[in-house]
Protein backbone atom coordinates (compact mmCIF):
# COMPACT_ATOMS: atom_id res chain seq x y z
CA MET A 1 9.64 13.98 -7.84
CA ARG A 2 7.22 16.89 -7.03
CA MET A 3 4.95 17.91 -9.81
CA LEU A 4 2.84 21.17 -9.98
CA TRP A 5 -0.39 20.36 -12.91
CA LYS A 6 -1.72 24.02 -13.45
CA ASN A 7 -4.38 25.29 -15.32
CA ILE A 8 -6.71 22.37 -15.40
CA LYS A 9 -10.21 22.38 -16.94
CA GLY A 10 -11.44 20.47 -14.68
CA LEU A 11 -10.40 18.87 -11.46
CA VAL A 12 -12.76 15.69 -11.19
CA GLY A 13 -13.18 14.42 -7.75
CA ALA A 14 -11.21 16.30 -5.59
CA TYR A 15 -11.97 16.25 -1.63
CA GLU A 16 -10.10 17.95 0.70
CA SER A 17 -12.69 15.24 3.26
CA PRO A 18 -13.83 12.48 1.10
CA PRO A 19 -17.26 10.72 1.42
CA SER A 20 -17.11 6.84 1.58
CA ARG A 21 -19.82 6.39 -1.59
CA LEU A 22 -22.35 8.37 -3.49
CA SER A 23 -26.17 7.80 -2.83
CA GLY A 24 -28.14 8.09 -6.29
CA SER A 25 -29.33 11.64 -6.00
CA GLU A 26 -25.45 12.61 -4.92
CA MET A 27 -23.62 10.86 -8.20
CA ALA A 28 -24.94 13.79 -10.28
CA ASP A 29 -22.78 16.36 -7.87
CA PHE A 30 -19.45 14.52 -8.18
CA PRO A 31 -17.12 17.74 -7.62
CA VAL A 32 -15.05 19.61 -10.43
CA LEU A 33 -13.22 22.57 -9.61
CA GLN A 34 -13.20 24.34 -12.23
CA ASN A 35 -9.41 26.59 -13.69
CA ALA A 36 -7.85 23.95 -10.74
CA TRP A 37 -3.86 23.01 -9.93
CA LEU A 38 -2.53 19.94 -8.27
CA ALA A 39 0.22 19.50 -6.69
CA ILE A 40 2.40 16.00 -6.11
CA ASP A 41 5.26 15.27 -4.17
CA ALA A 42 6.52 11.44 -3.75
CA GLY A 43 3.91 10.09 -5.35
CA LYS A 44 1.07 11.19 -3.40
CA ILE A 45 -1.63 14.51 -3.50
CA ALA A 46 0.05 17.28 -1.69
CA ASP A 47 -2.70 20.16 -2.00
CA PHE A 48 -5.01 21.46 -4.65
CA GLY A 49 -7.26 24.69 -5.50
CA PRO A 50 -8.71 27.19 -7.76
CA MET A 51 -6.11 29.13 -9.90
CA GLU A 52 -7.01 32.20 -8.87
CA THR A 53 -5.82 31.57 -5.11
CA PHE A 54 -2.61 29.24 -6.04
CA PRO A 55 -0.29 30.51 -3.32
CA GLY A 56 2.36 30.56 -5.70
CA ILE A 57 5.91 28.15 -5.75
CA VAL A 58 8.55 28.95 -3.24
CA ASP A 59 10.76 26.16 -3.79
CA TRP A 60 11.68 25.57 -7.61
CA THR A 61 14.27 22.49 -6.62
CA GLY A 62 13.34 19.58 -8.84
CA LEU A 63 9.76 21.03 -9.56
CA GLU A 64 8.22 20.28 -12.89
CA VAL A 65 5.43 22.49 -13.68
CA VAL A 66 2.79 21.05 -16.43
CA ASP A 67 0.33 22.98 -18.00
CA CYS A 68 -3.32 21.15 -18.64
CA GLU A 69 -5.08 23.76 -20.45
CA GLY A 70 -8.52 22.18 -21.52
CA ARG A 71 -7.64 18.93 -20.03
CA TYR A 72 -10.11 17.34 -17.23
CA VAL A 73 -7.86 15.48 -14.34
CA LEU A 74 -9.84 12.70 -12.32
CA PRO A 75 -9.10 9.78 -10.09
CA ALA A 76 -8.16 6.49 -12.13
CA TRP A 77 -11.10 3.98 -12.34
CA CYS A 78 -12.01 1.40 -9.61
CA ASP A 79 -12.88 -2.01 -11.28
CA SER A 80 -14.51 -3.99 -8.43
CA HIS A 81 -16.12 -6.92 -10.51
CA THR A 82 -13.32 -9.04 -12.61
CA HIS A 83 -12.37 -12.63 -14.16
CA LEU A 84 -9.09 -11.35 -14.40
CA VAL A 85 -7.19 -14.35 -14.32
CA PHE A 86 -8.16 -17.11 -16.76
CA ALA A 87 -6.33 -19.84 -19.32
CA ALA A 88 -7.77 -19.04 -22.07
CA PRO A 89 -10.25 -16.60 -24.57
CA ARG A 90 -13.10 -17.91 -25.74
CA SER A 91 -13.55 -16.60 -29.44
CA LYS A 92 -14.77 -19.60 -30.91
CA GLU A 93 -17.87 -19.39 -28.72
CA PHE A 94 -18.34 -15.51 -29.75
CA LEU A 95 -18.50 -17.37 -33.12
CA SER A 96 -21.68 -19.78 -32.07
CA ARG A 97 -23.31 -16.82 -30.97
CA LEU A 98 -22.64 -14.67 -34.14
CA GLN A 99 -24.15 -17.84 -35.71
CA GLY A 100 -27.26 -17.91 -33.23
CA LYS A 101 -27.24 -19.85 -30.48
CA THR A 102 -27.29 -18.34 -26.91
CA TYR A 103 -25.28 -18.44 -23.88
CA HIS A 104 -27.93 -20.98 -22.06
CA GLU A 105 -27.13 -23.00 -25.32
CA ILE A 106 -23.36 -23.17 -25.50
CA ALA A 107 -23.30 -23.74 -21.31
CA GLU A 108 -25.07 -26.87 -22.06
CA ALA A 109 -22.79 -27.89 -24.83
CA GLY A 110 -20.01 -27.89 -22.49
CA GLY A 111 -19.20 -24.32 -23.40
CA GLY A 112 -19.02 -21.41 -20.83
CA ILE A 113 -17.70 -21.61 -17.81
CA LEU A 114 -17.56 -25.11 -18.10
CA ASN A 115 -14.60 -24.73 -21.20
CA SER A 116 -12.72 -21.95 -19.50
CA ALA A 117 -12.87 -24.38 -16.74
CA ARG A 118 -11.05 -27.18 -18.25
CA ALA A 119 -8.70 -24.92 -19.76
CA LEU A 120 -7.50 -23.77 -16.00
CA GLN A 121 -7.16 -27.01 -14.45
CA LEU A 122 -4.63 -28.10 -17.05
CA MET A 123 -2.36 -24.62 -16.98
CA PRO A 124 0.58 -24.37 -14.61
CA GLU A 125 0.48 -21.85 -11.99
CA ASP A 126 3.37 -19.91 -12.93
CA GLN A 127 1.68 -19.48 -16.51
CA LEU A 128 -1.42 -18.54 -15.14
CA PHE A 129 -0.06 -15.76 -13.44
CA GLU A 130 2.01 -14.42 -16.27
CA GLU A 131 -0.60 -14.18 -18.23
CA ALA A 132 -2.92 -12.93 -15.59
CA LEU A 133 -0.10 -10.01 -15.30
CA VAL A 134 0.13 -8.70 -18.55
CA ARG A 135 -3.52 -8.33 -18.42
CA LEU A 136 -3.52 -6.44 -15.31
CA LYS A 137 -1.17 -3.97 -16.34
CA ARG A 138 -3.08 -3.64 -19.74
CA ALA A 139 -5.82 -2.57 -17.42
CA ILE A 140 -3.79 -0.52 -15.47
CA GLN A 141 -1.93 1.13 -18.79
CA THR A 142 -5.87 2.23 -19.50
CA GLY A 143 -6.51 4.30 -16.30
CA THR A 144 -7.35 1.28 -13.97
CA GLY A 145 -6.00 2.33 -10.17
CA ALA A 146 -8.21 -0.46 -8.19
CA ILE A 147 -9.31 -3.40 -8.65
CA GLU A 148 -11.38 -6.85 -7.50
CA ILE A 149 -10.65 -10.11 -9.14
CA LYS A 150 -12.73 -13.41 -8.35
CA SER A 151 -11.40 -16.97 -9.01
CA GLY A 152 -14.12 -19.21 -9.78
CA TYR A 153 -12.68 -21.18 -13.18
CA GLY A 154 -11.26 -23.58 -11.41
CA LEU A 155 -14.36 -26.04 -10.11
CA ASP A 156 -12.16 -28.24 -8.52
CA GLY A 157 -10.64 -27.71 -5.08
CA GLU A 158 -7.04 -27.77 -6.34
CA ALA A 159 -7.92 -25.52 -9.12
CA GLU A 160 -9.96 -22.49 -7.42
CA LEU A 161 -6.93 -22.56 -4.67
CA LYS A 162 -3.92 -21.81 -7.52
CA MET A 163 -6.35 -19.37 -8.96
CA LEU A 164 -6.49 -17.57 -5.56
CA ARG A 165 -2.79 -17.77 -5.15
CA VAL A 166 -1.88 -16.16 -8.63
CA ILE A 167 -4.55 -13.46 -7.30
CA GLN A 168 -2.20 -12.66 -4.47
CA ARG A 169 0.82 -12.81 -6.80
CA LEU A 170 -0.69 -10.03 -8.60
CA LYS A 171 -1.81 -8.20 -4.92
CA GLU A 172 1.72 -8.25 -4.34
CA ALA A 173 3.30 -7.23 -7.70
CA VAL A 174 0.98 -4.31 -8.09
CA SER A 175 0.92 -0.72 -6.40
CA ILE A 176 -2.92 -0.66 -6.17
CA PRO A 177 -5.18 -2.10 -4.26
CA VAL A 178 -5.85 -5.38 -5.76
CA ARG A 179 -8.88 -6.91 -3.62
CA ARG A 180 -9.42 -11.39 -3.89
CA THR A 181 -12.99 -12.90 -4.14
CA PHE A 182 -13.59 -16.47 -3.45
CA LEU A 183 -16.25 -17.31 -6.43
CA ALA A 184 -17.00 -20.43 -4.92
CA CYS A 185 -20.40 -21.00 -6.68
CA HIS A 186 -20.04 -20.28 -10.13
CA ALA A 187 -21.25 -23.16 -11.96
CA VAL A 188 -21.73 -26.90 -11.01
CA PRO A 189 -18.79 -28.83 -11.74
CA GLU A 190 -18.74 -32.21 -14.27
CA GLY A 191 -19.39 -35.03 -12.83
CA ASN A 192 -21.67 -36.45 -9.29
CA TRP A 193 -21.62 -32.71 -8.36
CA THR A 194 -24.93 -31.10 -7.74
CA ALA A 195 -25.37 -27.19 -6.76
CA GLU A 196 -25.96 -28.45 -3.44
CA SER A 197 -23.31 -30.85 -2.63
CA TRP A 198 -20.81 -28.56 -4.80
CA THR A 199 -22.03 -25.90 -2.32
CA ARG A 200 -21.16 -27.78 0.68
CA TYR A 201 -17.97 -28.67 -0.13
CA ALA A 202 -16.87 -24.85 -1.10
CA VAL A 203 -18.44 -24.06 2.46
CA GLU A 204 -16.69 -27.62 4.53
CA ASP A 205 -13.40 -27.86 2.88
CA LEU A 206 -12.63 -25.46 0.69
CA LEU A 207 -13.39 -21.85 2.58
CA PRO A 208 -11.41 -23.16 5.63
CA ARG A 209 -8.59 -23.71 3.41
CA VAL A 210 -8.89 -20.37 2.08
CA GLN A 211 -9.15 -19.00 5.28
CA ALA A 212 -6.08 -20.59 6.93
CA GLU A 213 -3.82 -19.24 3.84
CA GLY A 214 -5.31 -15.62 3.70
CA LEU A 215 -6.09 -15.84 -0.04
CA ALA A 216 -9.68 -13.87 0.05
CA ASP A 217 -11.13 -10.76 1.42
CA TYR A 218 -15.03 -11.84 -0.45
CA VAL A 219 -16.83 -14.82 -1.34
CA ASP A 220 -19.42 -14.48 -4.54
CA ALA A 221 -21.85 -16.74 -6.18
CA PHE A 222 -23.45 -16.66 -9.55
CA CYS A 223 -27.48 -17.02 -7.89
CA GLU A 224 -29.23 -17.53 -11.22
CA LYS A 225 -31.82 -20.67 -12.95
CA GLY A 226 -29.01 -23.58 -13.96
CA TYR A 227 -26.72 -22.37 -11.54
CA PHE A 228 -27.24 -21.67 -8.04
CA GLY A 229 -30.12 -20.82 -5.69
CA LEU A 230 -31.32 -19.01 -2.69
CA GLU A 231 -30.38 -22.13 -0.63
CA GLU A 232 -26.87 -22.23 -1.92
CA LEU A 233 -26.52 -19.25 -1.27
CA ALA A 234 -27.69 -18.99 2.46
CA LEU A 235 -24.99 -21.70 3.27
CA LEU A 236 -22.55 -20.12 1.23
CA LEU A 237 -22.79 -16.83 3.23
CA ASP A 238 -23.24 -18.55 6.51
CA GLY A 239 -19.92 -20.35 6.45
CA ALA A 240 -18.59 -17.17 5.23
CA THR A 241 -19.82 -15.22 8.19
CA GLN A 242 -18.34 -17.67 10.27
CA HIS A 243 -14.74 -17.44 8.42
CA GLY A 244 -15.08 -13.29 8.71
CA LEU A 245 -15.07 -12.99 4.71
CA ALA A 246 -18.26 -10.61 3.28
CA ALA A 247 -19.86 -11.11 0.29
CA LYS A 248 -19.66 -9.48 -3.59
CA VAL A 249 -22.65 -11.74 -5.31
CA HIS A 250 -23.85 -11.95 -9.05
CA VAL A 251 -27.37 -11.40 -8.82
CA ASN A 252 -30.12 -10.47 -11.58
CA GLN A 253 -28.26 -11.45 -14.64
CA PHE A 254 -31.12 -13.29 -16.31
CA ASN A 255 -33.55 -13.49 -13.83
CA ALA A 256 -35.04 -12.43 -10.46
CA LEU A 257 -34.74 -15.09 -7.72
CA GLY A 258 -34.89 -13.01 -5.17
CA GLY A 259 -31.25 -13.16 -4.62
CA VAL A 260 -31.05 -8.50 -3.85
CA ALA A 261 -33.39 -8.92 -1.02
CA PHE A 262 -31.93 -11.82 0.24
CA CYS A 263 -27.96 -10.49 -0.05
CA ALA A 264 -29.19 -6.88 0.97
CA ASN A 265 -30.41 -8.58 4.17
CA ALA A 266 -26.88 -10.22 4.73
CA ASN A 267 -25.17 -6.85 4.62
CA ALA A 268 -23.66 -7.88 1.22
CA VAL A 269 -20.84 -5.79 -0.26
CA SER A 270 -22.80 -5.48 -4.00
CA VAL A 271 -24.81 -7.15 -5.64
CA ASP A 272 -23.66 -6.84 -9.07
CA HIS A 273 -25.08 -7.43 -12.58
CA LEU A 274 -28.82 -6.35 -12.36
CA GLU A 275 -30.06 -6.36 -15.36
CA VAL A 276 -33.41 -7.91 -14.77
CA LEU A 277 -34.90 -5.85 -11.70
CA ASN A 278 -38.24 -5.84 -9.78
CA PRO A 279 -40.24 -3.33 -6.99
CA GLU A 280 -39.28 -5.33 -4.64
CA ASP A 281 -35.53 -5.58 -5.24
CA VAL A 282 -35.08 -1.93 -5.94
CA GLU A 283 -36.94 -1.71 -1.94
CA ALA A 284 -34.49 -4.22 -0.88
CA LEU A 285 -31.65 -1.86 -1.88
CA LYS A 286 -33.15 1.44 -1.06
CA SER A 287 -33.77 0.72 2.82
CA ASN A 288 -30.54 0.03 3.32
CA ALA A 289 -28.22 2.54 0.69
CA ALA A 290 -26.72 5.06 3.30
CA SER A 291 -24.02 2.43 4.16
CA GLY A 292 -25.20 -0.45 3.04
CA THR A 293 -25.02 -3.08 -0.33
CA MET A 294 -23.83 -1.43 -3.41
CA ALA A 295 -25.54 -1.86 -6.59
CA CYS A 296 -22.85 -2.68 -9.12
CA ALA A 297 -23.98 -2.66 -13.44
CA LEU A 298 -21.81 -4.58 -15.96
CA PRO A 299 -22.53 -2.67 -18.91
CA GLY A 300 -19.78 -4.60 -21.02
CA CYS A 301 -21.11 -7.94 -20.12
CA SER A 302 -24.48 -5.97 -22.20
CA TYR A 303 -23.31 -4.89 -24.68
CA PHE A 304 -21.34 -8.06 -25.79
CA LEU A 305 -24.15 -10.40 -25.05
CA GLY A 306 -26.45 -8.38 -26.70
CA ILE A 307 -28.84 -8.67 -23.29
CA PRO A 308 -30.77 -5.20 -21.62
CA TYR A 309 -28.90 -3.25 -19.52
CA THR A 310 -29.06 -2.66 -15.79
CA PRO A 311 -31.92 -0.39 -15.77
CA VAL A 312 -29.93 2.38 -13.31
CA ARG A 313 -32.25 5.48 -13.95
CA GLU A 314 -34.35 3.47 -11.31
CA LEU A 315 -31.72 2.76 -9.09
CA ILE A 316 -30.54 6.04 -8.80
CA GLN A 317 -34.27 8.07 -8.61
CA ALA A 318 -34.34 5.38 -5.56
CA ASP A 319 -31.08 7.32 -4.47
CA ILE A 320 -29.55 4.08 -4.31
CA PRO A 321 -25.66 3.82 -4.72
CA VAL A 322 -24.35 2.62 -7.98
CA ALA A 323 -20.67 1.41 -9.12
CA ILE A 324 -19.93 0.20 -13.02
CA ALA A 325 -17.49 -2.59 -13.41
CA THR A 326 -16.07 -4.14 -16.70
CA ASP A 327 -16.94 -7.89 -15.18
CA PHE A 328 -14.12 -8.59 -17.36
CA ASN A 329 -13.76 -12.54 -18.29
CA PRO A 330 -13.09 -14.62 -21.11
CA GLY A 331 -16.35 -14.99 -22.35
CA SER A 332 -19.23 -12.64 -21.44
CA ALA A 333 -16.79 -9.30 -21.08
CA PRO A 334 -13.63 -9.66 -22.86
CA SER A 335 -12.53 -5.93 -22.21
CA SER A 336 -10.76 -4.89 -19.11
CA ASN A 337 -11.04 -0.99 -20.63
CA MET A 338 -12.94 1.07 -17.70
CA GLU A 339 -13.15 4.43 -20.22
CA ARG A 340 -15.88 2.06 -22.25
CA VAL A 341 -17.48 0.80 -19.56
CA VAL A 342 -17.99 4.75 -18.71
CA GLN A 343 -18.98 5.34 -22.39
CA LEU A 344 -21.62 2.71 -22.25
CA ALA A 345 -23.12 4.35 -18.82
CA ILE A 346 -23.78 7.21 -20.81
CA LEU A 347 -25.13 5.87 -23.85
CA LYS A 348 -27.07 3.38 -23.16
CA MET A 349 -27.96 3.10 -19.07
CA LYS A 350 -28.89 7.31 -19.50
CA MET A 351 -26.14 8.19 -16.48
CA LEU A 352 -24.95 11.58 -16.74
CA PRO A 353 -21.30 12.42 -17.18
CA LEU A 354 -21.13 13.26 -13.46
CA GLU A 355 -22.50 9.91 -12.65
CA ALA A 356 -20.80 7.63 -14.44
CA LEU A 357 -17.51 9.09 -13.14
CA ALA A 358 -18.70 8.89 -9.36
CA ALA A 359 -19.67 4.92 -10.54
CA ALA A 360 -17.06 4.16 -11.64
CA THR A 361 -14.55 6.04 -9.33
CA LEU A 362 -15.87 6.81 -5.42
CA ASN A 363 -18.42 4.01 -5.44
CA GLY A 364 -16.59 1.48 -7.23
CA ALA A 365 -13.93 1.93 -4.57
CA ALA A 366 -16.82 1.83 -2.38
CA ALA A 367 -17.95 -1.57 -3.84
CA MET A 368 -14.65 -3.20 -2.78
CA ASP A 369 -13.97 -1.63 0.83
CA VAL A 370 -11.38 0.39 -0.96
CA SER A 371 -12.62 3.90 -0.07
CA ASP A 372 -9.42 4.83 1.97
CA ARG A 373 -7.18 4.52 -1.03
CA ALA A 374 -8.97 4.57 -4.12
CA GLY A 375 -11.41 6.38 -5.88
CA VAL A 376 -10.89 10.49 -5.21
CA ILE A 377 -8.00 13.43 -5.43
CA ALA A 378 -7.83 14.20 -1.80
CA PRO A 379 -4.02 15.08 -0.09
CA GLY A 380 -2.41 12.14 1.57
CA ARG A 381 -3.64 9.87 -1.02
CA ALA A 382 -1.09 7.62 -4.09
CA ALA A 383 -1.39 10.12 -7.29
CA ASN A 384 -3.38 7.69 -9.20
CA ILE A 385 -4.56 9.93 -11.70
CA LEU A 386 -6.16 10.22 -15.41
CA VAL A 387 -5.77 13.27 -17.84
CA THR A 388 -7.69 13.73 -20.64
CA LYS A 389 -7.53 15.27 -24.02
CA PRO A 390 -8.66 18.66 -24.49
CA MET A 391 -12.49 18.39 -24.14
CA ASP A 392 -15.44 21.15 -24.34
CA GLY A 393 -17.22 18.82 -21.56
CA LEU A 394 -17.63 15.38 -19.75
CA GLU A 395 -19.74 14.45 -22.46
CA GLY A 396 -16.82 14.37 -24.39
CA PHE A 397 -15.79 10.81 -22.73
CA ALA A 398 -19.11 9.62 -24.95
CA TYR A 399 -19.81 11.66 -27.52
CA ASP A 400 -17.05 11.45 -29.49
CA PHE A 401 -17.42 6.80 -29.45
CA GLY A 402 -14.80 6.02 -31.58
CA GLU A 403 -11.98 7.98 -29.50
CA HIS A 404 -10.02 7.44 -26.43
CA ALA A 405 -11.07 10.64 -23.92
CA VAL A 406 -8.16 9.26 -21.06
CA GLU A 407 -4.50 10.81 -22.95
CA LYS A 408 -2.63 10.18 -19.88
CA VAL A 409 -2.27 7.75 -16.81
CA PHE A 410 -0.57 8.23 -13.59
CA ILE A 411 0.00 5.69 -10.48
CA ASP A 412 2.05 6.74 -8.08
CA GLY A 413 2.60 9.88 -10.34
CA ILE A 414 4.18 8.07 -12.39
CA GLU A 415 3.21 8.51 -15.58
CA VAL A 416 2.65 4.27 -17.48
């Protein structure tokens, strides 16, 4: 199928030779080609350019011409942090929070991650897959064109492997890039486990099995008070290195424990959350910003839990590359809609529209090592692209916050 989109008000994130990431100061210069055209052939981007130099149409055979007057066209979202595979929602815990209980109080009473683990351990793999596939397709329908999915709700060996096998099946079921993360240290399981003993079990027993079955691209840990500290993080990352796996790590959601600097020095692909930052954290990220660890903010979690937002302006001013993602999970961020994340980034983290769009696309792709396949519009890439409603400007993503700016989603050049 061949398509020509003409009179595009602004073609966003289009490159002949795309960069792998944009640093903080570069994000506001995410390219927008005004009054543009875009050609799609067999599900891939064929070419693009300004209307004033449009070469004309030589072969009309099988060509569909689409007038995009007043509309923006941009790359599909790249959601680099999700917990999409789970067994049950946690709406009762949401009610408890409305009644005044904190995230930590709910967890100490046996809720939170432990609650999700109990439900997941009981659910058969096929049912877990079918329900997760529905969620994944819903995310794609709202514009997600690349995604990372974590385990971590198993909290025993077989359940963690079950989750990773489900993620592998999801990867095989869709055409968009899917990255797989073994969230080895999410919470300390019930029983006689400690943070140290569970981490050693994950490294010594589970990691070899994960590697043998080829089930993960990354490892992850929740580095936080009451969960896992720097000692456990060091043990996990050392084990991951031995098995050829990189790291993407939860850090600084509630407390700054030194995890940011540790992960940056260990060349982690990303550090995620960062609601709490100190000058040492910023300096550690700045020191390897050119090709190192990506800072990933999760504004949907801040919104839903009522906790501080990541101080993204500090990161951008320090010239650190920033990505944004949904953190989609049943407890603290139960939404897979990346457009809402972009909206929150603009409204609550004071990102400029182009900064937020760069963070949700190009830098999101870099935060899960799929820059060669996603995050931009470029010749030869899959035509995974979004079309907005008619808008005065890109600030429309946040200005009319009750409306959806994205009107159509295309995956491999086909509207979903």
